[in-house]
Amino acid sequence: MLQRRIRPVTELFPDEGGRLQPWRTVRGVFTMERGFAGVLARGTRLETSTGVVNIANGAHGGTALYELAPTGIDG
């Protein structure tokens, strides 16, 4: 598999005092045969020196999964 490194766009989020701080964020979408299945988002403060945004490097994150209704069930 070949991947290309990109420079993510910096986004501003409020800190504990309400001041906007720059964060580096990444998002992903889960799909399955029947369509959309969920999303993943991770972010780290811009002053973090890592180039990889993941939990092991101190990023904050969350995942939301979406369950489709079963097919073939009436009512």
PDB file of N, CA and C in Angstrom:
ATOM      1  N   MET A   1       0.845  -1.172   0.000  1.00  0.00           N
ATOM      2  CA  MET A   1       0.000   0.000   0.000  1.00  0.00           C
ATOM      3  C   MET A   1       0.894   1.240   0.000  1.00  0.00           C
ATOM      4  N   LEU A   2       0.562   2.184  -0.812  1.00  0.00           N
ATOM      5  CA  LEU A   2       1.294   3.435  -0.900  1.00  0.00           C
ATOM      6  C   LEU A   2       0.454   4.537  -0.278  1.00  0.00           C
ATOM      7  N   GLN A   3       1.067   5.323   0.592  1.00  0.00           N
ATOM      8  CA  GLN A   3       0.384   6.453   1.201  1.00  0.00           C
ATOM      9  C   GLN A   3       1.175   7.712   0.950  1.00  0.00           C
ATOM     10  N   ARG A   4       0.473   8.827   0.989  1.00  0.00           N
ATOM     11  CA  ARG A   4       1.112  10.119   0.805  1.00  0.00           C
ATOM     12  C   ARG A   4       0.963  10.908   2.094  1.00  0.00           C
ATOM     13  N   ARG A   5       2.032  11.518   2.544  1.00  0.00           N
ATOM     14  CA  ARG A   5       1.959  12.345   3.747  1.00  0.00           C
ATOM     15  C   ARG A   5       1.372  13.697   3.384  1.00  0.00           C
ATOM     16  N   ILE A   6       0.443  14.137   4.204  1.00  0.00           N
ATOM     17  CA  ILE A   6      -0.154  15.453   3.995  1.00  0.00           C
ATOM     18  C   ILE A   6       0.076  16.297   5.232  1.00  0.00           C
ATOM     19  N   ARG A   7      -0.021  17.574   5.102  1.00  0.00           N
ATOM     20  CA  ARG A   7       0.056  18.496   6.224  1.00  0.00           C
ATOM     21  C   ARG A   7      -1.374  18.889   6.583  1.00  0.00           C
ATOM     22  N   PRO A   8      -1.873  18.425   7.727  1.00  0.00           N
ATOM     23  CA  PRO A   8      -3.259  18.722   8.080  1.00  0.00           C
ATOM     24  C   PRO A   8      -3.488  20.205   8.351  1.00  0.00           C
ATOM     25  N   VAL A   9      -4.706  20.629   8.135  1.00  0.00           N
ATOM     26  CA  VAL A   9      -5.094  22.007   8.399  1.00  0.00           C
ATOM     27  C   VAL A   9      -5.230  22.169   9.910  1.00  0.00           C
ATOM     28  N   THR A  10      -4.676  23.246  10.456  1.00  0.00           N
ATOM     29  CA  THR A  10      -4.793  23.534  11.873  1.00  0.00           C
ATOM     30  C   THR A  10      -6.205  24.037  12.167  1.00  0.00           C
ATOM     31  N   GLU A  11      -6.801  23.523  13.248  1.00  0.00           N
ATOM     32  CA  GLU A  11      -8.130  23.961  13.661  1.00  0.00           C
ATOM     33  C   GLU A  11      -8.044  24.555  15.059  1.00  0.00           C
ATOM     34  N   LEU A  12      -8.916  25.517  15.345  1.00  0.00           N
ATOM     35  CA  LEU A  12      -8.918  26.174  16.647  1.00  0.00           C
ATOM     36  C   LEU A  12     -10.009  25.596  17.538  1.00  0.00           C
ATOM     37  N   PHE A  13      -9.622  25.256  18.787  1.00  0.00           N
ATOM     38  CA  PHE A  13     -10.551  24.739  19.781  1.00  0.00           C
ATOM     39  C   PHE A  13     -10.324  25.494  21.082  1.00  0.00           C
ATOM     40  N   PRO A  14     -11.380  25.731  21.857  1.00  0.00           N
ATOM     41  CA  PRO A  14     -11.207  26.455  23.118  1.00  0.00           C
ATOM     42  C   PRO A  14     -10.495  25.606  24.175  1.00  0.00           C
ATOM     43  N   ASP A  15      -9.603  26.249  24.952  1.00  0.00           N
ATOM     44  CA  ASP A  15      -8.959  25.562  26.067  1.00  0.00           C
ATOM     45  C   ASP A  15      -9.824  25.717  27.322  1.00  0.00           C
ATOM     46  N   GLU A  16      -9.289  25.312  28.452  1.00  0.00           N
ATOM     47  CA  GLU A  16     -10.045  25.356  29.695  1.00  0.00           C
ATOM     48  C   GLU A  16     -10.501  26.769  30.050  1.00  0.00           C
ATOM     49  N   GLY A  17      -9.754  27.796  29.625  1.00  0.00           N
ATOM     50  CA  GLY A  17     -10.096  29.189  29.909  1.00  0.00           C
ATOM     51  C   GLY A  17     -10.920  29.854  28.816  1.00  0.00           C
ATOM     52  N   GLY A  18     -11.280  29.094  27.767  1.00  0.00           N
ATOM     53  CA  GLY A  18     -12.075  29.649  26.682  1.00  0.00           C
ATOM     54  C   GLY A  18     -11.259  30.297  25.571  1.00  0.00           C
ATOM     55  N   ARG A  19      -9.927  30.295  25.682  1.00  0.00           N
ATOM     56  CA  ARG A  19      -9.070  30.867  24.627  1.00  0.00           C
ATOM     57  C   ARG A  19      -8.885  29.843  23.511  1.00  0.00           C
ATOM     58  N   LEU A  20      -8.920  30.309  22.280  1.00  0.00           N
ATOM     59  CA  LEU A  20      -8.757  29.402  21.137  1.00  0.00           C
ATOM     60  C   LEU A  20      -7.305  28.997  20.991  1.00  0.00           C
ATOM     61  N   GLN A  21      -7.088  27.680  20.876  1.00  0.00           N
ATOM     62  CA  GLN A  21      -5.750  27.113  20.726  1.00  0.00           C
ATOM     63  C   GLN A  21      -5.708  26.262  19.458  1.00  0.00           C
ATOM     64  N   PRO A  22      -4.571  26.286  18.738  1.00  0.00           N
ATOM     65  CA  PRO A  22      -4.465  25.479  17.518  1.00  0.00           C
ATOM     66  C   PRO A  22      -4.253  23.996  17.829  1.00  0.00           C
ATOM     67  N   TRP A  23      -4.997  23.150  17.122  1.00  0.00           N
ATOM     68  CA  TRP A  23      -4.888  21.699  17.240  1.00  0.00           C
ATOM     69  C   TRP A  23      -4.684  21.099  15.853  1.00  0.00           C
ATOM     70  N   ARG A  24      -3.999  19.983  15.817  1.00  0.00           N
ATOM     71  CA  ARG A  24      -3.837  19.184  14.597  1.00  0.00           C
ATOM     72  C   ARG A  24      -4.824  18.026  14.724  1.00  0.00           C
ATOM     73  N   THR A  25      -5.717  17.867  13.762  1.00  0.00           N
ATOM     74  CA  THR A  25      -6.753  16.841  13.859  1.00  0.00           C
ATOM     75  C   THR A  25      -6.746  15.925  12.640  1.00  0.00           C
ATOM     76  N   VAL A  26      -7.255  14.725  12.851  1.00  0.00           N
ATOM     77  CA  VAL A  26      -7.458  13.769  11.762  1.00  0.00           C
ATOM     78  C   VAL A  26      -8.821  13.120  11.953  1.00  0.00           C
ATOM     79  N   ARG A  27      -9.426  12.703  10.860  1.00  0.00           N
ATOM     80  CA  ARG A  27     -10.739  12.048  10.891  1.00  0.00           C
ATOM     81  C   ARG A  27     -10.725  10.872   9.923  1.00  0.00           C
ATOM     82  N   GLY A  28     -11.572   9.918  10.225  1.00  0.00           N
ATOM     83  CA  GLY A  28     -11.735   8.766   9.340  1.00  0.00           C
ATOM     84  C   GLY A  28     -13.188   8.357   9.310  1.00  0.00           C
ATOM     85  N   VAL A  29     -13.591   7.708   8.243  1.00  0.00           N
ATOM     86  CA  VAL A  29     -14.971   7.246   8.079  1.00  0.00           C
ATOM     87  C   VAL A  29     -14.942   5.728   7.901  1.00  0.00           C
ATOM     88  N   PHE A  30     -15.826   5.032   8.611  1.00  0.00           N
ATOM     89  CA  PHE A  30     -15.979   3.595   8.452  1.00  0.00           C
ATOM     90  C   PHE A  30     -17.145   3.338   7.506  1.00  0.00           C
ATOM     91  N   THR A  31     -16.920   2.482   6.536  1.00  0.00           N
ATOM     92  CA  THR A  31     -18.015   2.071   5.655  1.00  0.00           C
ATOM     93  C   THR A  31     -18.050   0.545   5.617  1.00  0.00           C
ATOM     94  N   MET A  32     -19.234   0.044   5.359  1.00  0.00           N
ATOM     95  CA  MET A  32     -19.421  -1.396   5.206  1.00  0.00           C
ATOM     96  C   MET A  32     -20.219  -1.622   3.930  1.00  0.00           C
ATOM     97  N   GLU A  33     -20.506  -2.854   3.642  1.00  0.00           N
ATOM     98  CA  GLU A  33     -21.203  -3.185   2.401  1.00  0.00           C
ATOM     99  C   GLU A  33     -22.491  -2.379   2.232  1.00  0.00           C
ATOM    100  N   ARG A  34     -23.220  -2.154   3.324  1.00  0.00           N
ATOM    101  CA  ARG A  34     -24.505  -1.443   3.247  1.00  0.00           C
ATOM    102  C   ARG A  34     -24.362   0.064   3.400  1.00  0.00           C
ATOM    103  N   GLY A  35     -23.150   0.587   3.544  1.00  0.00           N
ATOM    104  CA  GLY A  35     -22.977   2.035   3.615  1.00  0.00           C
ATOM    105  C   GLY A  35     -22.246   2.501   4.862  1.00  0.00           C
ATOM    106  N   PHE A  36     -22.572   3.708   5.304  1.00  0.00           N
ATOM    107  CA  PHE A  36     -21.918   4.373   6.433  1.00  0.00           C
ATOM    108  C   PHE A  36     -21.991   3.524   7.697  1.00  0.00           C
ATOM    109  N   ALA A  37     -20.851   3.429   8.429  1.00  0.00           N
ATOM    110  CA  ALA A  37     -20.819   2.628   9.645  1.00  0.00           C
ATOM    111  C   ALA A  37     -20.285   3.397  10.853  1.00  0.00           C
ATOM    112  N   GLY A  38     -19.649   4.550  10.649  1.00  0.00           N
ATOM    113  CA  GLY A  38     -19.167   5.320  11.793  1.00  0.00           C
ATOM    114  C   GLY A  38     -18.045   6.259  11.421  1.00  0.00           C
ATOM    115  N   VAL A  39     -17.564   7.001  12.437  1.00  0.00           N
ATOM    116  CA  VAL A  39     -16.478   7.965  12.250  1.00  0.00           C
ATOM    117  C   VAL A  39     -15.470   7.840  13.388  1.00  0.00           C
ATOM    118  N   LEU A  40     -14.275   8.312  13.125  1.00  0.00           N
ATOM    119  CA  LEU A  40     -13.198   8.362  14.092  1.00  0.00           C
ATOM    120  C   LEU A  40     -12.594   9.750  14.011  1.00  0.00           C
ATOM    121  N   ALA A  41     -12.298  10.356  15.146  1.00  0.00           N
ATOM    122  CA  ALA A  41     -11.626  11.661  15.158  1.00  0.00           C
ATOM    123  C   ALA A  41     -10.557  11.649  16.244  1.00  0.00           C
ATOM    124  N   ARG A  42      -9.403  12.217  15.940  1.00  0.00           N
ATOM    125  CA  ARG A  42      -8.314  12.357  16.905  1.00  0.00           C
ATOM    126  C   ARG A  42      -7.716  13.748  16.749  1.00  0.00           C
ATOM    127  N   GLY A  43      -7.176  14.273  17.845  1.00  0.00           N
ATOM    128  CA  GLY A  43      -6.537  15.574  17.774  1.00  0.00           C
ATOM    129  C   GLY A  43      -5.487  15.744  18.849  1.00  0.00           C
ATOM    130  N   THR A  44      -4.509  16.579  18.567  1.00  0.00           N
ATOM    131  CA  THR A  44      -3.455  16.893  19.516  1.00  0.00           C
ATOM    132  C   THR A  44      -3.125  18.379  19.411  1.00  0.00           C
ATOM    133  N   ARG A  45      -2.733  18.959  20.527  1.00  0.00           N
ATOM    134  CA  ARG A  45      -2.365  20.383  20.515  1.00  0.00           C
ATOM    135  C   ARG A  45      -1.202  20.594  19.557  1.00  0.00           C
ATOM    136  N   LEU A  46      -1.191  21.713  18.911  1.00  0.00           N
ATOM    137  CA  LEU A  46      -0.181  21.987  17.894  1.00  0.00           C
ATOM    138  C   LEU A  46       1.233  22.020  18.466  1.00  0.00           C
ATOM    139  N   GLU A  47       1.378  22.435  19.730  1.00  0.00           N
ATOM    140  CA  GLU A  47       2.732  22.500  20.304  1.00  0.00           C
ATOM    141  C   GLU A  47       3.344  21.114  20.527  1.00  0.00           C
ATOM    142  N   THR A  48       2.535  20.055  20.444  1.00  0.00           N
ATOM    143  CA  THR A  48       3.076  18.707  20.523  1.00  0.00           C
ATOM    144  C   THR A  48       3.974  18.490  19.307  1.00  0.00           C
ATOM    145  N   SER A  49       5.173  18.013  19.528  1.00  0.00           N
ATOM    146  CA  SER A  49       6.163  17.945  18.442  1.00  0.00           C
ATOM    147  C   SER A  49       5.994  16.736  17.525  1.00  0.00           C
ATOM    148  N   THR A  50       5.081  15.842  17.833  1.00  0.00           N
ATOM    149  CA  THR A  50       4.939  14.649  17.003  1.00  0.00           C
ATOM    150  C   THR A  50       4.299  14.970  15.656  1.00  0.00           C
ATOM    151  N   GLY A  51       4.684  14.233  14.643  1.00  0.00           N
ATOM    152  CA  GLY A  51       4.078  14.394  13.332  1.00  0.00           C
ATOM    153  C   GLY A  51       2.934  13.429  13.106  1.00  0.00           C
ATOM    154  N   VAL A  52       2.759  12.479  14.036  1.00  0.00           N
ATOM    155  CA  VAL A  52       1.713  11.474  13.919  1.00  0.00           C
ATOM    156  C   VAL A  52       0.668  11.733  14.997  1.00  0.00           C
ATOM    157  N   VAL A  53      -0.601  11.839  14.588  1.00  0.00           N
ATOM    158  CA  VAL A  53      -1.683  12.103  15.537  1.00  0.00           C
ATOM    159  C   VAL A  53      -2.301  10.765  15.928  1.00  0.00           C
ATOM    160  N   ASN A  54      -1.844  10.219  17.062  1.00  0.00           N
ATOM    161  CA  ASN A  54      -2.440   8.996  17.567  1.00  0.00           C
ATOM    162  C   ASN A  54      -2.414   8.998  19.090  1.00  0.00           C
ATOM    163  N   ILE A  55      -3.173   8.107  19.690  1.00  0.00           N
ATOM    164  CA  ILE A  55      -3.321   8.067  21.139  1.00  0.00           C
ATOM    165  C   ILE A  55      -1.974   7.805  21.816  1.00  0.00           C
ATOM    166  N   ALA A  56      -1.127   6.975  21.226  1.00  0.00           N
ATOM    167  CA  ALA A  56       0.182   6.671  21.805  1.00  0.00           C
ATOM    168  C   ALA A  56       1.050   7.917  21.930  1.00  0.00           C
ATOM    169  N   ASN A  57       0.807   8.921  21.092  1.00  0.00           N
ATOM    170  CA  ASN A  57       1.564  10.173  21.135  1.00  0.00           C
ATOM    171  C   ASN A  57       0.827  11.261  21.902  1.00  0.00           C
ATOM    172  N   GLY A  58      -0.218  10.891  22.658  1.00  0.00           N
ATOM    173  CA  GLY A  58      -0.901  11.857  23.506  1.00  0.00           C
ATOM    174  C   GLY A  58      -2.131  12.508  22.908  1.00  0.00           C
ATOM    175  N   ALA A  59      -2.587  12.050  21.770  1.00  0.00           N
ATOM    176  CA  ALA A  59      -3.770  12.647  21.148  1.00  0.00           C
ATOM    177  C   ALA A  59      -5.026  12.268  21.930  1.00  0.00           C
ATOM    178  N   HIS A  60      -6.035  13.106  21.830  1.00  0.00           N
ATOM    179  CA  HIS A  60      -7.361  12.828  22.373  1.00  0.00           C
ATOM    180  C   HIS A  60      -8.214  12.345  21.207  1.00  0.00           C
ATOM    181  N   GLY A  61      -9.130  11.445  21.473  1.00  0.00           N
ATOM    182  CA  GLY A  61      -9.923  10.952  20.356  1.00  0.00           C
ATOM    183  C   GLY A  61     -11.204  10.292  20.773  1.00  0.00           C
ATOM    184  N   GLY A  62     -11.986   9.981  19.769  1.00  0.00           N
ATOM    185  CA  GLY A  62     -13.244   9.298  19.992  1.00  0.00           C
ATOM    186  C   GLY A  62     -13.710   8.617  18.726  1.00  0.00           C
ATOM    187  N   THR A  63     -14.580   7.651  18.910  1.00  0.00           N
ATOM    188  CA  THR A  63     -15.134   6.900  17.794  1.00  0.00           C
ATOM    189  C   THR A  63     -16.643   6.823  17.964  1.00  0.00           C
ATOM    190  N   ALA A  64     -17.369   6.980  16.889  1.00  0.00           N
ATOM    191  CA  ALA A  64     -18.822   6.822  16.909  1.00  0.00           C
ATOM    192  C   ALA A  64     -19.192   5.803  15.843  1.00  0.00           C
ATOM    193  N   LEU A  65     -19.826   4.722  16.262  1.00  0.00           N
ATOM    194  CA  LEU A  65     -20.258   3.693  15.319  1.00  0.00           C
ATOM    195  C   LEU A  65     -21.758   3.799  15.117  1.00  0.00           C
ATOM    196  N   TYR A  66     -22.208   3.468  13.937  1.00  0.00           N
ATOM    197  CA  TYR A  66     -23.608   3.585  13.556  1.00  0.00           C
ATOM    198  C   TYR A  66     -24.115   2.202  13.185  1.00  0.00           C
ATOM    199  N   GLU A  67     -25.180   1.772  13.815  1.00  0.00           N
ATOM    200  CA  GLU A  67     -25.732   0.452  13.515  1.00  0.00           C
ATOM    201  C   GLU A  67     -26.944   0.586  12.615  1.00  0.00           C
ATOM    202  N   LEU A  68     -26.886  -0.042  11.459  1.00  0.00           N
ATOM    203  CA  LEU A  68     -28.007  -0.043  10.538  1.00  0.00           C
ATOM    204  C   LEU A  68     -29.073  -1.026  11.006  1.00  0.00           C
ATOM    205  N   ALA A  69     -30.310  -0.724  10.717  1.00  0.00           N
ATOM    206  CA  ALA A  69     -31.397  -1.647  11.037  1.00  0.00           C
ATOM    207  C   ALA A  69     -31.215  -2.926  10.222  1.00  0.00           C
ATOM    208  N   PRO A  70     -31.548  -4.074  10.806  1.00  0.00           N
ATOM    209  CA  PRO A  70     -31.416  -5.326  10.066  1.00  0.00           C
ATOM    210  C   PRO A  70     -32.297  -5.321   8.811  1.00  0.00           C
ATOM    211  N   THR A  71     -31.862  -5.982   7.792  1.00  0.00           N
ATOM    212  CA  THR A  71     -32.660  -6.080   6.572  1.00  0.00           C
ATOM    213  C   THR A  71     -33.585  -7.279   6.659  1.00  0.00           C
ATOM    214  N   GLY A  72     -34.676  -7.204   5.940  1.00  0.00           N
ATOM    215  CA  GLY A  72     -35.589  -8.325   5.865  1.00  0.00           C
ATOM    216  C   GLY A  72     -36.554  -8.439   7.030  1.00  0.00           C
ATOM    217  N   ILE A  73     -36.624  -7.408   7.874  1.00  0.00           N
ATOM    218  CA  ILE A  73     -37.549  -7.442   9.013  1.00  0.00           C
ATOM    219  C   ILE A  73     -38.663  -6.448   8.732  1.00  0.00           C
ATOM    220  N   ASP A  74     -39.886  -6.904   8.795  1.00  0.00           N
ATOM    221  CA  ASP A  74     -41.032  -6.022   8.569  1.00  0.00           C
ATOM    222  C   ASP A  74     -41.432  -5.344   9.871  1.00  0.00           C
ATOM    223  N   GLY A  75     -41.821  -4.066   9.739  1.00  0.00           N
ATOM    224  CA  GLY A  75     -42.466  -3.434  10.810  1.00  0.00           C
ATOM    225  C   GLY A  75     -41.845  -2.609  11.750  1.00  0.00           C
TER     226      GLY A  75
END
